[in-house]
Amino acid sequence: MATMSMPKKEAAAEPVVAKAGQNRPTLGRFRLQVDRQTKATYASMDEAATAGKAIKKAHPIVQVSVYDAEQSAQTMLD
């Protein structure tokens, strides 16, 4: 029986492209959290609080808070 060998592939000179989702996204200072899960990040506390209040109004049973990454403080929204 004769064995056949596959021709070897030469290394491609193409650049390696990172697949989407492999790098962690940069997070802003203020993080909007719903039931302790980060949903979005904002540059200012006002933007995060406005978005959080809209979520709280639509879904009053969930726990909505804004986490300040620089001060390590969490503000609960009612």
C-alpha atoms as a PDB file:
ATOM      1  CA  MET A   1       0.000   0.000   0.000  1.00  0.00           C
ATOM      2  CA  ALA A   2       1.363   3.367  -0.914  1.00  0.00           C
ATOM      3  CA  THR A   3       1.004   6.278   1.480  1.00  0.00           C
ATOM      4  CA  MET A   4       0.297   9.699   0.148  1.00  0.00           C
ATOM      5  CA  SER A   5       1.384  12.773   1.968  1.00  0.00           C
ATOM      6  CA  MET A   6      -0.471  16.026   1.811  1.00  0.00           C
ATOM      7  CA  PRO A   7       1.506  18.986   0.551  1.00  0.00           C
ATOM      8  CA  LYS A   8       2.525  21.310   3.369  1.00  0.00           C
ATOM      9  CA  LYS A   9       0.940  24.711   3.465  1.00  0.00           C
ATOM     10  CA  GLU A  10       3.308  27.610   3.504  1.00  0.00           C
ATOM     11  CA  ALA A  11       2.930  30.221   6.229  1.00  0.00           C
ATOM     12  CA  ALA A  12       0.679  33.008   5.072  1.00  0.00           C
ATOM     13  CA  ALA A  13       2.050  36.515   5.144  1.00  0.00           C
ATOM     14  CA  GLU A  14      -1.322  37.889   6.267  1.00  0.00           C
ATOM     15  CA  PRO A  15      -1.491  39.868   9.519  1.00  0.00           C
ATOM     16  CA  VAL A  16      -3.186  38.222  12.469  1.00  0.00           C
ATOM     17  CA  VAL A  17      -6.532  39.878  13.155  1.00  0.00           C
ATOM     18  CA  ALA A  18      -8.005  39.615  16.649  1.00  0.00           C
ATOM     19  CA  LYS A  19     -11.507  38.203  16.652  1.00  0.00           C
ATOM     20  CA  ALA A  20     -14.323  40.318  18.006  1.00  0.00           C
ATOM     21  CA  GLY A  21     -15.002  39.781  21.664  1.00  0.00           C
ATOM     22  CA  GLN A  22     -11.527  38.684  22.673  1.00  0.00           C
ATOM     23  CA  ASN A  23     -10.525  41.991  24.209  1.00  0.00           C
ATOM     24  CA  ARG A  24     -12.370  43.465  27.166  1.00  0.00           C
ATOM     25  CA  PRO A  25     -14.141  46.708  26.352  1.00  0.00           C
ATOM     26  CA  THR A  26     -12.975  49.824  28.126  1.00  0.00           C
ATOM     27  CA  LEU A  27     -15.370  50.726  30.876  1.00  0.00           C
ATOM     28  CA  GLY A  28     -16.324  54.275  31.776  1.00  0.00           C
ATOM     29  CA  ARG A  29     -16.192  55.679  35.278  1.00  0.00           C
ATOM     30  CA  PHE A  30     -19.917  55.365  36.042  1.00  0.00           C
ATOM     31  CA  ARG A  31     -21.430  51.924  35.543  1.00  0.00           C
ATOM     32  CA  LEU A  32     -25.172  51.363  35.398  1.00  0.00           C
ATOM     33  CA  GLN A  33     -26.022  48.119  37.166  1.00  0.00           C
ATOM     34  CA  VAL A  34     -29.318  46.262  37.114  1.00  0.00           C
ATOM     35  CA  ASP A  35     -29.593  43.500  39.722  1.00  0.00           C
ATOM     36  CA  ARG A  36     -25.805  43.827  40.272  1.00  0.00           C
ATOM     37  CA  GLN A  37     -24.993  43.218  36.603  1.00  0.00           C
ATOM     38  CA  THR A  38     -23.294  45.997  34.636  1.00  0.00           C
ATOM     39  CA  LYS A  39     -25.421  46.984  31.670  1.00  0.00           C
ATOM     40  CA  ALA A  40     -23.761  50.191  30.416  1.00  0.00           C
ATOM     41  CA  THR A  41     -21.051  52.700  31.272  1.00  0.00           C
ATOM     42  CA  TYR A  42     -21.221  56.487  31.200  1.00  0.00           C
ATOM     43  CA  ALA A  43     -18.813  59.397  31.521  1.00  0.00           C
ATOM     44  CA  SER A  44     -21.007  61.347  33.958  1.00  0.00           C
ATOM     45  CA  MET A  45     -23.197  60.492  36.928  1.00  0.00           C
ATOM     46  CA  ASP A  46     -26.139  62.458  35.480  1.00  0.00           C
ATOM     47  CA  GLU A  47     -26.224  60.363  32.293  1.00  0.00           C
ATOM     48  CA  ALA A  48     -26.088  57.114  34.258  1.00  0.00           C
ATOM     49  CA  ALA A  49     -28.763  58.240  36.725  1.00  0.00           C
ATOM     50  CA  THR A  50     -31.105  59.341  33.919  1.00  0.00           C
ATOM     51  CA  ALA A  51     -30.790  55.981  32.165  1.00  0.00           C
ATOM     52  CA  GLY A  52     -31.177  54.135  35.463  1.00  0.00           C
ATOM     53  CA  LYS A  53     -34.343  56.034  36.414  1.00  0.00           C
ATOM     54  CA  ALA A  54     -35.895  55.156  33.047  1.00  0.00           C
ATOM     55  CA  ILE A  55     -35.185  51.470  33.681  1.00  0.00           C
ATOM     56  CA  LYS A  56     -36.509  51.704  37.237  1.00  0.00           C
ATOM     57  CA  LYS A  57     -39.706  53.390  36.024  1.00  0.00           C
ATOM     58  CA  ALA A  58     -40.313  50.685  33.409  1.00  0.00           C
ATOM     59  CA  HIS A  59     -39.372  47.814  35.766  1.00  0.00           C
ATOM     60  CA  PRO A  60     -39.948  48.890  39.395  1.00  0.00           C
ATOM     61  CA  ILE A  61     -39.113  45.500  40.892  1.00  0.00           C
ATOM     62  CA  VAL A  62     -35.465  45.378  39.766  1.00  0.00           C
ATOM     63  CA  GLN A  63     -32.576  46.835  41.764  1.00  0.00           C
ATOM     64  CA  VAL A  64     -30.905  49.682  39.841  1.00  0.00           C
ATOM     65  CA  SER A  65     -27.692  51.375  40.948  1.00  0.00           C
ATOM     66  CA  VAL A  66     -24.800  53.434  39.625  1.00  0.00           C
ATOM     67  CA  TYR A  67     -21.269  52.369  40.563  1.00  0.00           C
ATOM     68  CA  ASP A  68     -18.472  54.961  40.616  1.00  0.00           C
ATOM     69  CA  ALA A  69     -15.263  53.111  39.711  1.00  0.00           C
ATOM     70  CA  GLU A  70     -12.901  55.881  40.875  1.00  0.00           C
ATOM     71  CA  GLN A  71     -14.446  56.341  44.320  1.00  0.00           C
ATOM     72  CA  SER A  72     -15.576  52.701  44.711  1.00  0.00           C
ATOM     73  CA  ALA A  73     -19.020  53.969  45.723  1.00  0.00           C
ATOM     74  CA  GLN A  74     -22.424  52.656  44.757  1.00  0.00           C
ATOM     75  CA  THR A  75     -25.562  54.807  44.586  1.00  0.00           C
ATOM     76  CA  MET A  76     -28.951  53.082  44.685  1.00  0.00           C
ATOM     77  CA  LEU A  77     -31.689  54.599  42.498  1.00  0.00           C
ATOM     78  CA  ASP A  78     -35.304  54.688  43.642  1.00  0.00           C
END
